C-alpha cells in the first residue's frame, strides 16, 4: 500500500489482514483487489488472566477447598479493581495486565482475612514468538485462609535478632509489616506475641532475653498503629521447644535450635466487629468479647 499508484478502498477483516484496491502495474485489469498481511508483532494481542482456588488447612495439614469466599483484586495503588465470590469449587478468575503488581484479599466468615501479593512483572511473553493474532495467557495461584480460632498459634517466619540483642532488624521489620497488615485486616482479634530461644545459656538469661524481644516486637507494632490493648508480649525462653536442641545421642542439633529460636503469635480473643471503613478502630465501641 501507499505506492506511487492509486491505492484506495482499504478494508480490514482482521486487525492484521485486509483488502485494498489499486491500479498498480501487474494487475489483471484497471483496478484490482489485493489482500495484505501485516506481520508487525505489535499488532498481536496478549490477554493475561489470573485464576486461583481458595483453600484452607485442615488439622492434619492437608488442604481443602474453601467455598463462598470473597476475593478482591487490588492494583498497585491499592484501589480495588475487581472482586469475585467463589462457588463450591473455590475458583476465581481475574483479568490482569503485564508489568503490574497486585494484592489478592480473601475473606469469609470464620476465617482470618488473607492478603497475598502477586505480580506480572517479568512474566510477559515476547510477542514476536507468537503465531496467533490473539493469545490468552493464564497464571495459577492458591489463596489459603486460616480458620479463626482462639489459642491458635502461628509462627512468624524470618524474624531474627542479633546475638544478645532485642532491637528489630530491617529484615525483621519487613516481616512484621505483614503482621501489621493482618491485624488491620482482622481488627476483631487480640493476640499474644511470644518470643522463644534455644536451650543455650541459663534459664534466667533466656527468659529475660525472650521477654525483651517480645516487648520490642510489640512496641514496633504499636508504632505502626496497632492498639496496645490488642497485644500481649510474652517471653518463654527455652521452655516451649518445637524441636530437639540435641540429638538422641547427646550431640548438638543446630537445625532444631534454629527452629526453637522463633517468634509466634497466638489468638487470645475473638470479638464481634461491625466494620465501618470511615471510623478508626475503637475497642469500647466495636470489640465485644466472645468467650465461645
Protein backbone atom coordinates (compact mmCIF):
# COMPACT_ATOMS: atom_id res chain seq x y z
CA UNK A 1 0.00 0.00 0.00
CA UNK A 2 0.93 3.67 -0.27
CA UNK A 3 2.69 3.01 -3.57
CA UNK A 4 3.08 5.52 -6.44
CA UNK A 5 -0.07 4.01 -7.95
CA UNK A 6 -3.65 4.78 -6.99
CA UNK A 7 -4.21 2.69 -3.82
CA UNK A 8 -7.61 3.12 -2.17
CA UNK A 9 -10.61 1.38 -0.57
CA UNK A 10 -8.78 -0.34 2.29
CA UNK A 11 -10.93 -2.85 4.22
CA UNK A 12 -9.80 -4.74 7.35
CA UNK A 13 -11.42 -8.11 8.06
CA UNK A 14 -8.92 -8.81 10.89
CA UNK A 15 -6.64 -6.40 12.74
CA UNK A 16 -3.66 -7.68 10.75
CA UNK A 17 -5.34 -8.56 7.43
CA UNK A 18 -7.48 -6.87 4.84
CA UNK A 19 -8.11 -5.84 1.24
CA UNK A 20 -7.40 -2.74 -0.81
CA UNK A 21 -7.90 -1.62 -4.40
CA UNK A 22 -5.08 -0.47 -6.69
CA UNK A 23 -4.34 0.19 -10.37
CA UNK A 24 -0.68 -0.71 -9.91
CA UNK A 25 1.17 -2.50 -12.70
CA UNK A 26 0.95 -6.27 -12.91
CA UNK A 27 -2.75 -6.50 -12.18
CA UNK A 28 -5.48 -8.21 -14.17
CA UNK A 29 -7.29 -5.04 -15.18
CA UNK A 30 -7.69 -1.33 -14.45
CA UNK A 31 -8.37 -1.56 -10.70
CA UNK A 32 -7.67 -4.82 -8.93
CA UNK A 33 -8.35 -6.03 -5.41
CA UNK A 34 -5.33 -7.09 -3.36
CA UNK A 35 -5.05 -8.72 0.05
CA UNK A 36 -2.38 -7.89 2.62
CA UNK A 37 -1.00 -9.29 5.89
CA UNK A 38 0.73 -7.06 8.46
CA UNK A 39 3.24 -9.22 10.33
CA UNK A 40 4.23 -6.50 12.80
CA UNK A 41 4.33 -8.29 16.21
CA UNK A 42 2.96 -5.17 17.91
CA UNK A 43 -0.42 -5.96 16.38
CA UNK A 44 -0.59 -9.25 18.26
CA UNK A 45 -2.74 -9.13 21.34
CA UNK A 46 -1.93 -10.95 24.58
CA UNK A 47 -4.62 -11.26 27.24
CA UNK A 48 -3.41 -12.15 30.73
CA UNK A 49 -5.58 -13.87 33.35
CA UNK A 50 -5.05 -14.93 36.94
CA UNK A 51 -7.05 -17.94 38.06
CA UNK A 52 -6.93 -19.47 41.51
CA UNK A 53 -8.59 -21.53 44.20
CA UNK A 54 -9.45 -20.53 47.76
CA UNK A 55 -8.41 -23.21 50.24
CA UNK A 56 -7.84 -23.78 53.95
CA UNK A 57 -5.66 -26.12 56.01
CA UNK A 58 -7.19 -28.99 57.96
CA UNK A 59 -5.79 -30.11 61.31
CA UNK A 60 -3.66 -32.76 59.56
CA UNK A 61 -2.11 -30.02 57.37
CA UNK A 62 -3.90 -31.18 54.22
CA UNK A 63 -5.62 -28.51 52.16
CA UNK A 64 -9.29 -28.48 51.24
CA UNK A 65 -11.35 -26.15 49.05
CA UNK A 66 -12.90 -23.19 50.86
CA UNK A 67 -16.12 -22.16 49.05
CA UNK A 68 -18.14 -18.95 49.26
CA UNK A 69 -15.08 -16.74 49.71
CA UNK A 70 -14.93 -13.14 48.54
CA UNK A 71 -11.71 -12.46 46.66
CA UNK A 72 -10.73 -8.87 45.85
CA UNK A 73 -8.01 -7.84 43.40
CA UNK A 74 -6.18 -4.62 44.32
CA UNK A 75 -3.93 -2.72 41.93
CA UNK A 76 -0.56 -1.22 42.80
CA UNK A 77 -2.33 1.94 44.01
CA UNK A 78 -4.34 -0.20 46.49
CA UNK A 79 -7.61 0.52 44.66
CA UNK A 80 -9.99 -2.41 44.21
CA UNK A 81 -10.03 -3.43 40.54
CA UNK A 82 -12.46 -6.35 40.79
CA UNK A 83 -13.96 -8.78 43.24
CA UNK A 84 -15.32 -12.28 42.96
CA UNK A 85 -17.25 -14.64 45.24
CA UNK A 86 -16.16 -18.24 44.78
CA UNK A 87 -18.62 -21.07 44.38
CA UNK A 88 -18.42 -24.60 45.73
CA UNK A 89 -15.30 -25.23 43.63
CA UNK A 90 -13.44 -22.32 45.26
CA UNK A 91 -12.32 -20.99 41.88
CA UNK A 92 -11.84 -17.35 40.90
CA UNK A 93 -10.64 -15.60 37.75
CA UNK A 94 -9.37 -12.06 37.10
CA UNK A 95 -8.11 -10.19 34.06
CA UNK A 96 -4.63 -8.82 34.77
CA UNK A 97 -2.07 -6.81 32.81
CA UNK A 98 1.64 -7.09 32.17
CA UNK A 99 4.23 -5.46 34.43
CA UNK A 100 1.78 -4.78 37.26
CA UNK A 101 1.84 -5.57 40.98
CA UNK A 102 -1.34 -6.80 42.62
CA UNK A 103 -2.71 -7.81 46.01
CA UNK A 104 -5.29 -10.55 46.49
CA UNK A 105 -7.54 -10.33 49.55
CA UNK A 106 -9.64 -13.32 50.59
CA UNK A 107 -12.33 -13.13 53.26
CA UNK A 108 -15.17 -15.29 54.51
CA UNK A 109 -16.92 -15.75 57.85
CA UNK A 110 -14.97 -17.70 60.46
CA UNK A 111 -11.56 -17.24 58.81
CA UNK A 112 -8.74 -14.72 59.04
CA UNK A 113 -8.70 -12.24 56.18
CA UNK A 114 -5.80 -13.25 53.92
CA UNK A 115 -3.70 -10.74 51.97
CA UNK A 116 -1.35 -12.11 49.31
CA UNK A 117 0.95 -10.31 46.87
CA UNK A 118 1.05 -11.32 43.21
CA UNK A 119 2.82 -9.76 40.23
CA UNK A 120 3.07 -9.99 36.45
CA UNK A 121 6.39 -8.10 36.44
CA UNK A 122 8.87 -10.10 34.37
CA UNK A 123 6.21 -12.59 33.25
CA UNK A 124 5.15 -11.02 29.94
CA UNK A 125 5.62 -13.11 26.80
CA UNK A 126 7.61 -11.97 23.77
CA UNK A 127 5.03 -11.10 21.11
CA UNK A 128 7.49 -11.82 18.30
CA UNK A 129 7.42 -15.52 19.24
CA UNK A 130 3.63 -15.79 18.96
CA UNK A 131 1.94 -17.25 15.88
CA UNK A 132 -1.65 -16.32 16.69
CA UNK A 133 -3.08 -12.83 16.47
CA UNK A 134 -4.73 -13.21 19.90
CA UNK A 135 -3.10 -15.25 22.69
CA UNK A 136 -4.53 -15.88 26.15
CA UNK A 137 -2.06 -16.50 28.99
CA UNK A 138 -3.43 -17.81 32.30
CA UNK A 139 -1.46 -17.92 35.56
CA UNK A 140 -2.42 -20.06 38.55
CA UNK A 141 -2.33 -19.33 42.27
CA UNK A 142 -3.74 -20.65 45.55
CA UNK A 143 -5.16 -18.40 48.27
CA UNK A 144 -5.06 -20.17 51.65
CA UNK A 145 -7.15 -18.79 54.51
CA UNK A 146 -6.61 -19.81 58.14
CA UNK A 147 -9.52 -20.69 60.38
CA UNK A 148 -10.25 -18.07 63.04
CA UNK A 149 -9.82 -19.92 66.35
CA UNK A 150 -8.90 -18.92 69.89
CA UNK A 151 -5.48 -20.18 71.07
CA UNK A 152 -4.39 -20.91 67.51
CA UNK A 153 -0.64 -20.34 67.13
CA UNK A 154 1.17 -19.00 64.07
CA UNK A 155 4.95 -18.98 63.62
CA UNK A 156 6.29 -15.74 62.13
CA UNK A 157 8.95 -16.69 59.61
CA UNK A 158 12.25 -14.84 59.20
CA UNK A 159 12.13 -12.83 62.45
CA UNK A 160 15.77 -12.84 63.52
CA UNK A 161 17.65 -10.90 66.21
CA UNK A 162 21.33 -10.16 66.66
CA UNK A 163 23.12 -12.14 69.37
CA UNK A 164 22.03 -10.97 72.84
CA UNK A 165 20.01 -8.11 71.28
CA UNK A 166 16.33 -7.27 71.12
CA UNK A 167 16.12 -4.45 68.58
CA UNK A 168 14.16 -5.03 65.37
CA UNK A 169 16.40 -5.56 62.34
CA UNK A 170 15.33 -4.13 58.94
CA UNK A 171 14.71 -7.61 57.52
CA UNK A 172 12.54 -8.50 60.53
CA UNK A 173 10.64 -5.22 60.13
CA UNK A 174 9.58 -6.27 56.63
CA UNK A 175 8.09 -9.48 58.04
CA UNK A 176 6.42 -7.66 60.93
CA UNK A 177 4.78 -5.28 58.47
CA UNK A 178 2.89 -8.32 57.16
CA UNK A 179 1.59 -8.90 60.68
CA UNK A 180 0.56 -5.24 60.86
CA UNK A 181 -1.50 -5.74 57.69
CA UNK A 182 -3.04 -8.91 59.11
CA UNK A 183 -4.04 -7.14 62.33
CA UNK A 184 -5.51 -4.23 60.38
CA UNK A 185 -7.49 -6.65 58.23
CA UNK A 186 -8.69 -8.62 61.27
CA UNK A 187 -9.49 -5.95 63.83
CA UNK A 188 -11.60 -8.29 65.93
CA UNK A 189 -8.64 -10.29 67.26
CA UNK A 190 -6.37 -9.77 70.25
CA UNK A 191 -3.05 -11.62 70.16
CA UNK A 192 -0.17 -12.75 72.32
CA UNK A 193 3.20 -12.05 70.72
CA UNK A 194 5.74 -14.54 72.08
CA UNK A 195 9.50 -14.94 71.71
CA UNK A 196 11.37 -18.23 72.20
CA UNK A 197 15.02 -19.26 72.49
CA UNK A 198 17.00 -22.47 72.29
CA UNK A 199 18.48 -24.10 75.40
CA UNK A 200 21.89 -22.43 75.28
CA UNK A 201 22.57 -20.18 78.31
CA UNK A 202 20.76 -20.24 81.62
CA UNK A 203 17.01 -20.34 82.12
CA UNK A 204 17.04 -16.87 83.70
CA UNK A 205 19.02 -15.40 80.82
CA UNK A 206 16.76 -16.96 78.17
CA UNK A 207 13.58 -15.82 79.91
CA UNK A 208 14.82 -12.23 80.22
CA UNK A 209 16.12 -12.09 76.63
CA UNK A 210 12.94 -13.53 75.14
CA UNK A 211 10.79 -11.11 77.15
CA UNK A 212 12.81 -8.14 75.88
CA UNK A 213 12.46 -9.38 72.32
CA UNK A 214 8.70 -9.90 72.67
CA UNK A 215 8.28 -6.41 74.12
CA UNK A 216 10.43 -4.94 71.35
CA UNK A 217 8.24 -6.64 68.76
CA UNK A 218 5.04 -5.38 70.39
CA UNK A 219 6.49 -1.86 70.54
CA UNK A 220 7.16 -2.00 66.80
CA UNK A 221 3.55 -3.00 66.11
CA UNK A 222 2.24 -0.17 68.31
CA UNK A 223 4.42 2.34 66.44
CA UNK A 224 2.81 1.06 63.25
CA UNK A 225 -0.63 1.94 64.58
CA UNK A 226 -1.82 -1.26 66.25
CA UNK A 227 -3.70 -0.58 69.51
CA UNK A 228 -1.75 -1.65 72.59
CA UNK A 229 -4.81 -3.27 74.17
CA UNK A 230 -4.84 -5.81 71.35
CA UNK A 231 -1.29 -7.01 72.10
CA UNK A 232 0.33 -9.02 74.88
CA UNK A 233 4.12 -9.61 74.99
CA UNK A 234 5.36 -12.91 76.45
CA UNK A 235 8.87 -14.34 76.62
CA UNK A 236 9.04 -18.09 77.14
CA UNK A 237 12.77 -18.63 76.86
CA UNK A 238 13.61 -22.26 76.16
CA UNK A 239 10.52 -23.67 77.92
CA UNK A 240 8.42 -24.38 74.81
CA UNK A 241 10.61 -26.10 72.21
CA UNK A 242 9.10 -27.34 68.96
CA UNK A 243 12.21 -29.35 68.03
CA UNK A 244 15.05 -31.15 69.81
CA UNK A 245 18.01 -28.94 70.79
CA UNK A 246 20.22 -32.02 70.95
CA UNK A 247 20.14 -35.31 69.10
CA UNK A 248 19.30 -38.57 70.86
CA UNK A 249 23.00 -39.37 71.19
CA UNK A 250 23.57 -36.07 73.03
CA UNK A 251 25.24 -34.25 70.13
CA UNK A 252 24.20 -30.74 69.16
CA UNK A 253 21.25 -30.29 66.79
CA UNK A 254 21.74 -26.91 65.03
CA UNK A 255 18.62 -27.28 62.90
CA UNK A 256 16.49 -27.95 65.95
CA UNK A 257 17.95 -24.98 67.82
CA UNK A 258 17.22 -22.71 64.87
CA UNK A 259 13.58 -23.85 64.80
CA UNK A 260 13.28 -23.17 68.52
CA UNK A 261 14.60 -19.61 68.15
CA UNK A 262 11.34 -18.24 66.86
CA UNK A 263 8.62 -15.61 67.20
CA UNK A 264 4.96 -16.61 67.32
CA UNK A 265 1.58 -15.04 67.76
CA UNK A 266 -1.46 -16.67 69.34
CA UNK A 267 -5.07 -15.54 69.04
CA UNK A 268 -6.24 -14.74 72.58
CA UNK A 269 -9.67 -13.25 71.94
CA UNK A 270 -12.07 -13.04 69.04
CA UNK A 271 -14.52 -10.17 69.11
CA UNK A 272 -17.53 -9.31 67.03
CA UNK A 273 -16.84 -6.23 64.97
CA UNK A 274 -19.02 -4.07 62.79
CA UNK A 275 -16.68 -2.81 60.09
CA UNK A 276 -17.03 0.90 59.40
CA UNK A 277 -14.41 1.96 56.83
CA UNK A 278 -14.61 5.65 57.75
CA UNK A 279 -14.21 5.11 61.52
CA UNK A 280 -11.00 4.45 63.38
CA UNK A 281 -11.00 1.28 65.46
CA UNK A 282 -12.32 1.81 68.98
CA UNK A 283 -12.30 -1.27 71.20
CA UNK A 284 -15.03 0.05 73.52
CA UNK A 285 -17.20 0.76 70.52
CA UNK A 286 -16.68 -2.27 68.31
CA UNK A 287 -14.88 -5.02 70.23
CA UNK A 288 -17.26 -7.34 72.07
CA UNK A 289 -15.57 -10.15 73.95
CA UNK A 290 -16.70 -13.53 72.71
CA UNK A 291 -15.93 -16.40 75.09
CA UNK A 292 -17.36 -19.09 72.85
